[in-house]
Amino acid sequence: MANDAVEEAKKKRKADLEKYKSREKGEIKAQQDRLANYKKKQATIEEQIETFNQHIKNIQNAVN
């Protein structure tokens, strides 16, 4: 009977550990997705800045 209780405790502990690992993997994936989205936004902003700078150069050349 004591062995049954020990086995049940081991099973519960193993199940809890698997849940934790699964949750942790999900959190890591979510963090990676957020990072990828941030990098996309950053690239878009950098492109917009470059386009804006080119417009400024064109205006300066037109004035000169």
PDB file of N, CA and C in Angstrom:
ATOM      1  N   MET A   1       0.822  -1.190   0.000  1.00  0.00           N
ATOM      2  CA  MET A   1       0.000   0.000   0.000  1.00  0.00           C
ATOM      3  C   MET A   1       0.871   1.261   0.000  1.00  0.00           C
ATOM      4  N   ALA A   2       1.934   1.243   0.754  1.00  0.00           N
ATOM      5  CA  ALA A   2       2.839   2.388   0.774  1.00  0.00           C
ATOM      6  C   ALA A   2       3.511   2.534  -0.588  1.00  0.00           C
ATOM      7  N   ASN A   3       3.822   1.374  -1.200  1.00  0.00           N
ATOM      8  CA  ASN A   3       4.428   1.416  -2.531  1.00  0.00           C
ATOM      9  C   ASN A   3       3.481   2.043  -3.549  1.00  0.00           C
ATOM     10  N   ASP A   4       2.179   1.755  -3.418  1.00  0.00           N
ATOM     11  CA  ASP A   4       1.187   2.340  -4.323  1.00  0.00           C
ATOM     12  C   ASP A   4       1.174   3.863  -4.187  1.00  0.00           C
ATOM     13  N   ALA A   5       1.231   4.335  -2.972  1.00  0.00           N
ATOM     14  CA  ALA A   5       1.225   5.779  -2.728  1.00  0.00           C
ATOM     15  C   ALA A   5       2.481   6.421  -3.312  1.00  0.00           C
ATOM     16  N   VAL A   6       3.600   5.744  -3.154  1.00  0.00           N
ATOM     17  CA  VAL A   6       4.858   6.255  -3.699  1.00  0.00           C
ATOM     18  C   VAL A   6       4.787   6.302  -5.224  1.00  0.00           C
ATOM     19  N   GLU A   7       4.268   5.235  -5.820  1.00  0.00           N
ATOM     20  CA  GLU A   7       4.149   5.188  -7.278  1.00  0.00           C
ATOM     21  C   GLU A   7       3.212   6.279  -7.794  1.00  0.00           C
ATOM     22  N   GLU A   8       2.117   6.488  -7.102  1.00  0.00           N
ATOM     23  CA  GLU A   8       1.173   7.545  -7.492  1.00  0.00           C
ATOM     24  C   GLU A   8       1.834   8.922  -7.389  1.00  0.00           C
ATOM     25  N   ALA A   9       2.596   9.128  -6.340  1.00  0.00           N
ATOM     26  CA  ALA A   9       3.295  10.401  -6.159  1.00  0.00           C
ATOM     27  C   ALA A   9       4.311  10.611  -7.286  1.00  0.00           C
ATOM     28  N   LYS A  10       5.012   9.532  -7.657  1.00  0.00           N
ATOM     29  CA  LYS A  10       5.979   9.627  -8.750  1.00  0.00           C
ATOM     30  C   LYS A  10       5.290   9.970 -10.065  1.00  0.00           C
ATOM     31  N   LYS A  11       4.151   9.317 -10.317  1.00  0.00           N
ATOM     32  CA  LYS A  11       3.399   9.578 -11.547  1.00  0.00           C
ATOM     33  C   LYS A  11       2.917  11.021 -11.586  1.00  0.00           C
ATOM     34  N   LYS A  12       2.415  11.495 -10.444  1.00  0.00           N
ATOM     35  CA  LYS A  12       1.925  12.870 -10.386  1.00  0.00           C
ATOM     36  C   LYS A  12       3.080  13.845 -10.606  1.00  0.00           C
ATOM     37  N   ARG A  13       4.185  13.570  -9.979  1.00  0.00           N
ATOM     38  CA  ARG A  13       5.358  14.446 -10.133  1.00  0.00           C
ATOM     39  C   ARG A  13       5.827  14.475 -11.583  1.00  0.00           C
ATOM     40  N   LYS A  14       5.843  13.308 -12.219  1.00  0.00           N
ATOM     41  CA  LYS A  14       6.262  13.233 -13.619  1.00  0.00           C
ATOM     42  C   LYS A  14       5.284  13.997 -14.518  1.00  0.00           C
ATOM     43  N   ALA A  15       3.990  13.848 -14.261  1.00  0.00           N
ATOM     44  CA  ALA A  15       2.976  14.565 -15.042  1.00  0.00           C
ATOM     45  C   ALA A  15       3.115  16.075 -14.844  1.00  0.00           C
ATOM     46  N   ASP A  16       3.348  16.499 -13.609  1.00  0.00           N
ATOM     47  CA  ASP A  16       3.530  17.924 -13.330  1.00  0.00           C
ATOM     48  C   ASP A  16       4.765  18.468 -14.048  1.00  0.00           C
ATOM     49  N   LEU A  17       5.824  17.681 -14.057  1.00  0.00           N
ATOM     50  CA  LEU A  17       7.055  18.093 -14.727  1.00  0.00           C
ATOM     51  C   LEU A  17       6.830  18.236 -16.231  1.00  0.00           C
ATOM     52  N   GLU A  18       6.091  17.302 -16.821  1.00  0.00           N
ATOM     53  CA  GLU A  18       5.794  17.375 -18.250  1.00  0.00           C
ATOM     54  C   GLU A  18       4.947  18.609 -18.567  1.00  0.00           C
ATOM     55  N   LYS A  19       3.990  18.925 -17.708  1.00  0.00           N
ATOM     56  CA  LYS A  19       3.167  20.127 -17.903  1.00  0.00           C
ATOM     57  C   LYS A  19       4.047  21.374 -17.854  1.00  0.00           C
ATOM     58  N   TYR A  20       4.951  21.389 -16.888  1.00  0.00           N
ATOM     59  CA  TYR A  20       5.853  22.537 -16.741  1.00  0.00           C
ATOM     60  C   TYR A  20       6.732  22.700 -17.978  1.00  0.00           C
ATOM     61  N   LYS A  21       7.299  21.589 -18.461  1.00  0.00           N
ATOM     62  CA  LYS A  21       8.159  21.640 -19.642  1.00  0.00           C
ATOM     63  C   LYS A  21       7.377  22.121 -20.860  1.00  0.00           C
ATOM     64  N   SER A  22       6.164  21.643 -20.998  1.00  0.00           N
ATOM     65  CA  SER A  22       5.322  22.043 -22.120  1.00  0.00           C
ATOM     66  C   SER A  22       5.010  23.537 -22.055  1.00  0.00           C
ATOM     67  N   ARG A  23       4.653  24.007 -20.881  1.00  0.00           N
ATOM     68  CA  ARG A  23       4.354  25.429 -20.687  1.00  0.00           C
ATOM     69  C   ARG A  23       5.595  26.270 -20.976  1.00  0.00           C
ATOM     70  N   GLU A  24       6.746  25.791 -20.506  1.00  0.00           N
ATOM     71  CA  GLU A  24       8.000  26.515 -20.725  1.00  0.00           C
ATOM     72  C   GLU A  24       8.315  26.613 -22.220  1.00  0.00           C
ATOM     73  N   LYS A  25       8.109  25.508 -22.954  1.00  0.00           N
ATOM     74  CA  LYS A  25       8.345  25.528 -24.401  1.00  0.00           C
ATOM     75  C   LYS A  25       7.409  26.516 -25.080  1.00  0.00           C
ATOM     76  N   GLY A  26       6.167  26.563 -24.628  1.00  0.00           N
ATOM     77  CA  GLY A  26       5.204  27.513 -25.184  1.00  0.00           C
ATOM     78  C   GLY A  26       5.621  28.945 -24.937  1.00  0.00           C
ATOM     79  N   GLU A  27       6.124  29.213 -23.755  1.00  0.00           N
ATOM     80  CA  GLU A  27       6.581  30.566 -23.417  1.00  0.00           C
ATOM     81  C   GLU A  27       7.802  30.957 -24.245  1.00  0.00           C
ATOM     82  N   ILE A  28       8.700  30.009 -24.458  1.00  0.00           N
ATOM     83  CA  ILE A  28       9.887  30.280 -25.277  1.00  0.00           C
ATOM     84  C   ILE A  28       9.464  30.586 -26.711  1.00  0.00           C
ATOM     85  N   LYS A  29       8.532  29.803 -27.244  1.00  0.00           N
ATOM     86  CA  LYS A  29       8.040  30.028 -28.608  1.00  0.00           C
ATOM     87  C   LYS A  29       7.387  31.402 -28.717  1.00  0.00           C
ATOM     88  N   ALA A  30       6.593  31.768 -27.733  1.00  0.00           N
ATOM     89  CA  ALA A  30       5.933  33.081 -27.749  1.00  0.00           C
ATOM     90  C   ALA A  30       6.971  34.199 -27.722  1.00  0.00           C
ATOM     91  N   GLN A  31       8.006  34.024 -26.930  1.00  0.00           N
ATOM     92  CA  GLN A  31       9.076  35.036 -26.846  1.00  0.00           C
ATOM     93  C   GLN A  31       9.813  35.147 -28.184  1.00  0.00           C
ATOM     94  N   GLN A  32      10.055  34.005 -28.826  1.00  0.00           N
ATOM     95  CA  GLN A  32      10.724  34.019 -30.130  1.00  0.00           C
ATOM     96  C   GLN A  32       9.853  34.717 -31.174  1.00  0.00           C
ATOM     97  N   ASP A  33       8.544  34.478 -31.111  1.00  0.00           N
ATOM     98  CA  ASP A  33       7.619  35.134 -32.039  1.00  0.00           C
ATOM     99  C   ASP A  33       7.620  36.644 -31.831  1.00  0.00           C
ATOM    100  N   ARG A  34       7.620  37.072 -30.568  1.00  0.00           N
ATOM    101  CA  ARG A  34       7.657  38.509 -30.281  1.00  0.00           C
ATOM    102  C   ARG A  34       8.947  39.131 -30.816  1.00  0.00           C
ATOM    103  N   LEU A  35      10.058  38.425 -30.650  1.00  0.00           N
ATOM    104  CA  LEU A  35      11.341  38.927 -31.145  1.00  0.00           C
ATOM    105  C   LEU A  35      11.322  39.042 -32.672  1.00  0.00           C
ATOM    106  N   ALA A  36      10.772  38.039 -33.341  1.00  0.00           N
ATOM    107  CA  ALA A  36      10.691  38.078 -34.803  1.00  0.00           C
ATOM    108  C   ALA A  36       9.833  39.256 -35.261  1.00  0.00           C
ATOM    109  N   ASN A  37       8.716  39.485 -34.591  1.00  0.00           N
ATOM    110  CA  ASN A  37       7.853  40.617 -34.943  1.00  0.00           C
ATOM    111  C   ASN A  37       8.571  41.941 -34.712  1.00  0.00           C
ATOM    112  N   TYR A  38       9.297  42.029 -33.619  1.00  0.00           N
ATOM    113  CA  TYR A  38      10.068  43.248 -33.325  1.00  0.00           C
ATOM    114  C   TYR A  38      11.092  43.511 -34.425  1.00  0.00           C
ATOM    115  N   LYS A  39      11.790  42.465 -34.846  1.00  0.00           N
ATOM    116  CA  LYS A  39      12.810  42.630 -35.883  1.00  0.00           C
ATOM    117  C   LYS A  39      12.185  43.063 -37.206  1.00  0.00           C
ATOM    118  N   LYS A  40      10.988  42.529 -37.517  1.00  0.00           N
ATOM    119  CA  LYS A  40      10.296  42.949 -38.742  1.00  0.00           C
ATOM    120  C   LYS A  40       9.924  44.425 -38.667  1.00  0.00           C
ATOM    121  N   LYS A  41       9.397  44.842 -37.521  1.00  0.00           N
ATOM    122  CA  LYS A  41       9.032  46.252 -37.351  1.00  0.00           C
ATOM    123  C   LYS A  41      10.266  47.139 -37.451  1.00  0.00           C
ATOM    124  N   GLN A  42      11.354  46.698 -36.844  1.00  0.00           N
ATOM    125  CA  GLN A  42      12.593  47.470 -36.881  1.00  0.00           C
ATOM    126  C   GLN A  42      13.081  47.624 -38.322  1.00  0.00           C
ATOM    127  N   ALA A  43      13.018  46.542 -39.100  1.00  0.00           N
ATOM    128  CA  ALA A  43      13.453  46.605 -40.497  1.00  0.00           C
ATOM    129  C   ALA A  43      12.570  47.559 -41.293  1.00  0.00           C
ATOM    130  N   THR A  44      11.279  47.530 -41.039  1.00  0.00           N
ATOM    131  CA  THR A  44      10.351  48.434 -41.727  1.00  0.00           C
ATOM    132  C   THR A  44      10.672  49.883 -41.402  1.00  0.00           C
ATOM    133  N   ILE A  45      10.917  50.161 -40.148  1.00  0.00           N
ATOM    134  CA  ILE A  45      11.252  51.529 -39.733  1.00  0.00           C
ATOM    135  C   ILE A  45      12.562  51.971 -40.376  1.00  0.00           C
ATOM    136  N   GLU A  46      13.537  51.089 -40.416  1.00  0.00           N
ATOM    137  CA  GLU A  46      14.821  51.436 -41.037  1.00  0.00           C
ATOM    138  C   GLU A  46      14.640  51.736 -42.526  1.00  0.00           C
ATOM    139  N   GLU A  47      13.767  50.963 -43.196  1.00  0.00           N
ATOM    140  CA  GLU A  47      13.486  51.228 -44.609  1.00  0.00           C
ATOM    141  C   GLU A  47      12.810  52.584 -44.780  1.00  0.00           C
ATOM    142  N   GLN A  48      11.881  52.905 -43.892  1.00  0.00           N
ATOM    143  CA  GLN A  48      11.190  54.192 -43.965  1.00  0.00           C
ATOM    144  C   GLN A  48      12.165  55.348 -43.752  1.00  0.00           C
ATOM    145  N   ILE A  49      13.085  55.185 -42.831  1.00  0.00           N
ATOM    146  CA  ILE A  49      14.096  56.223 -42.581  1.00  0.00           C
ATOM    147  C   ILE A  49      14.969  56.407 -43.817  1.00  0.00           C
ATOM    148  N   GLU A  50      15.370  55.303 -44.411  1.00  0.00           N
ATOM    149  CA  GLU A  50      16.211  55.378 -45.606  1.00  0.00           C
ATOM    150  C   GLU A  50      15.467  56.079 -46.749  1.00  0.00           C
ATOM    151  N   THR A  51      14.200  55.749 -46.931  1.00  0.00           N
ATOM    152  CA  THR A  51      13.384  56.399 -47.966  1.00  0.00           C
ATOM    153  C   THR A  51      13.262  57.890 -47.690  1.00  0.00           C
ATOM    154  N   PHE A  52      13.017  58.235 -46.444  1.00  0.00           N
ATOM    155  CA  PHE A  52      12.902  59.642 -46.054  1.00  0.00           C
ATOM    156  C   PHE A  52      14.209  60.387 -46.323  1.00  0.00           C
ATOM    157  N   ASN A  53      15.315  59.779 -45.957  1.00  0.00           N
ATOM    158  CA  ASN A  53      16.623  60.399 -46.195  1.00  0.00           C
ATOM    159  C   ASN A  53      16.866  60.610 -47.687  1.00  0.00           C
ATOM    160  N   GLN A  54      16.426  59.653 -48.498  1.00  0.00           N
ATOM    161  CA  GLN A  54      16.588  59.791 -49.948  1.00  0.00           C
ATOM    162  C   GLN A  54      15.745  60.948 -50.473  1.00  0.00           C
ATOM    163  N   HIS A  55      14.546  61.116 -49.942  1.00  0.00           N
ATOM    164  CA  HIS A  55      13.699  62.247 -50.336  1.00  0.00           C
ATOM    165  C   HIS A  55      14.376  63.574 -49.979  1.00  0.00           C
ATOM    166  N   ILE A  56      14.958  63.626 -48.811  1.00  0.00           N
ATOM    167  CA  ILE A  56      15.661  64.848 -48.394  1.00  0.00           C
ATOM    168  C   ILE A  56      16.809  65.152 -49.359  1.00  0.00           C
ATOM    169  N   LYS A  57      17.577  64.127 -49.720  1.00  0.00           N
ATOM    170  CA  LYS A  57      18.687  64.327 -50.664  1.00  0.00           C
ATOM    171  C   LYS A  57      18.162  64.821 -52.011  1.00  0.00           C
ATOM    172  N   ASN A  58      17.046  64.250 -52.463  1.00  0.00           N
ATOM    173  CA  ASN A  58      16.466  64.670 -53.744  1.00  0.00           C
ATOM    174  C   ASN A  58      16.036  66.131 -53.693  1.00  0.00           C
ATOM    175  N   ILE A  59      15.432  66.530 -52.580  1.00  0.00           N
ATOM    176  CA  ILE A  59      15.003  67.922 -52.418  1.00  0.00           C
ATOM    177  C   ILE A  59      16.217  68.846 -52.390  1.00  0.00           C
ATOM    178  N   GLN A  60      17.252  68.446 -51.654  1.00  0.00           N
ATOM    179  CA  GLN A  60      18.469  69.264 -51.583  1.00  0.00           C
ATOM    180  C   GLN A  60      19.107  69.407 -52.963  1.00  0.00           C
ATOM    181  N   ASN A  61      19.118  68.330 -53.729  1.00  0.00           N
ATOM    182  CA  ASN A  61      19.694  68.384 -55.077  1.00  0.00           C
ATOM    183  C   ASN A  61      18.852  69.269 -55.996  1.00  0.00           C
ATOM    184  N   ALA A  62      17.547  69.223 -55.816  1.00  0.00           N
ATOM    185  CA  ALA A  62      16.659  70.045 -56.647  1.00  0.00           C
ATOM    186  C   ALA A  62      16.839  71.523 -56.325  1.00  0.00           C
ATOM    187  N   VAL A  63      17.063  71.842 -55.067  1.00  0.00           N
ATOM    188  CA  VAL A  63      17.243  73.233 -54.650  1.00  0.00           C
ATOM    189  C   VAL A  63      18.576  73.767 -55.162  1.00  0.00           C
ATOM    190  N   ASN A  64      19.594  72.926 -55.140  1.00  0.00           N
ATOM    191  CA  ASN A  64      20.928  73.356 -55.584  1.00  0.00           C
ATOM    192  C   ASN A  64      20.932  73.344 -57.070  1.00  0.00           C
TER     193      ASN A  64
END
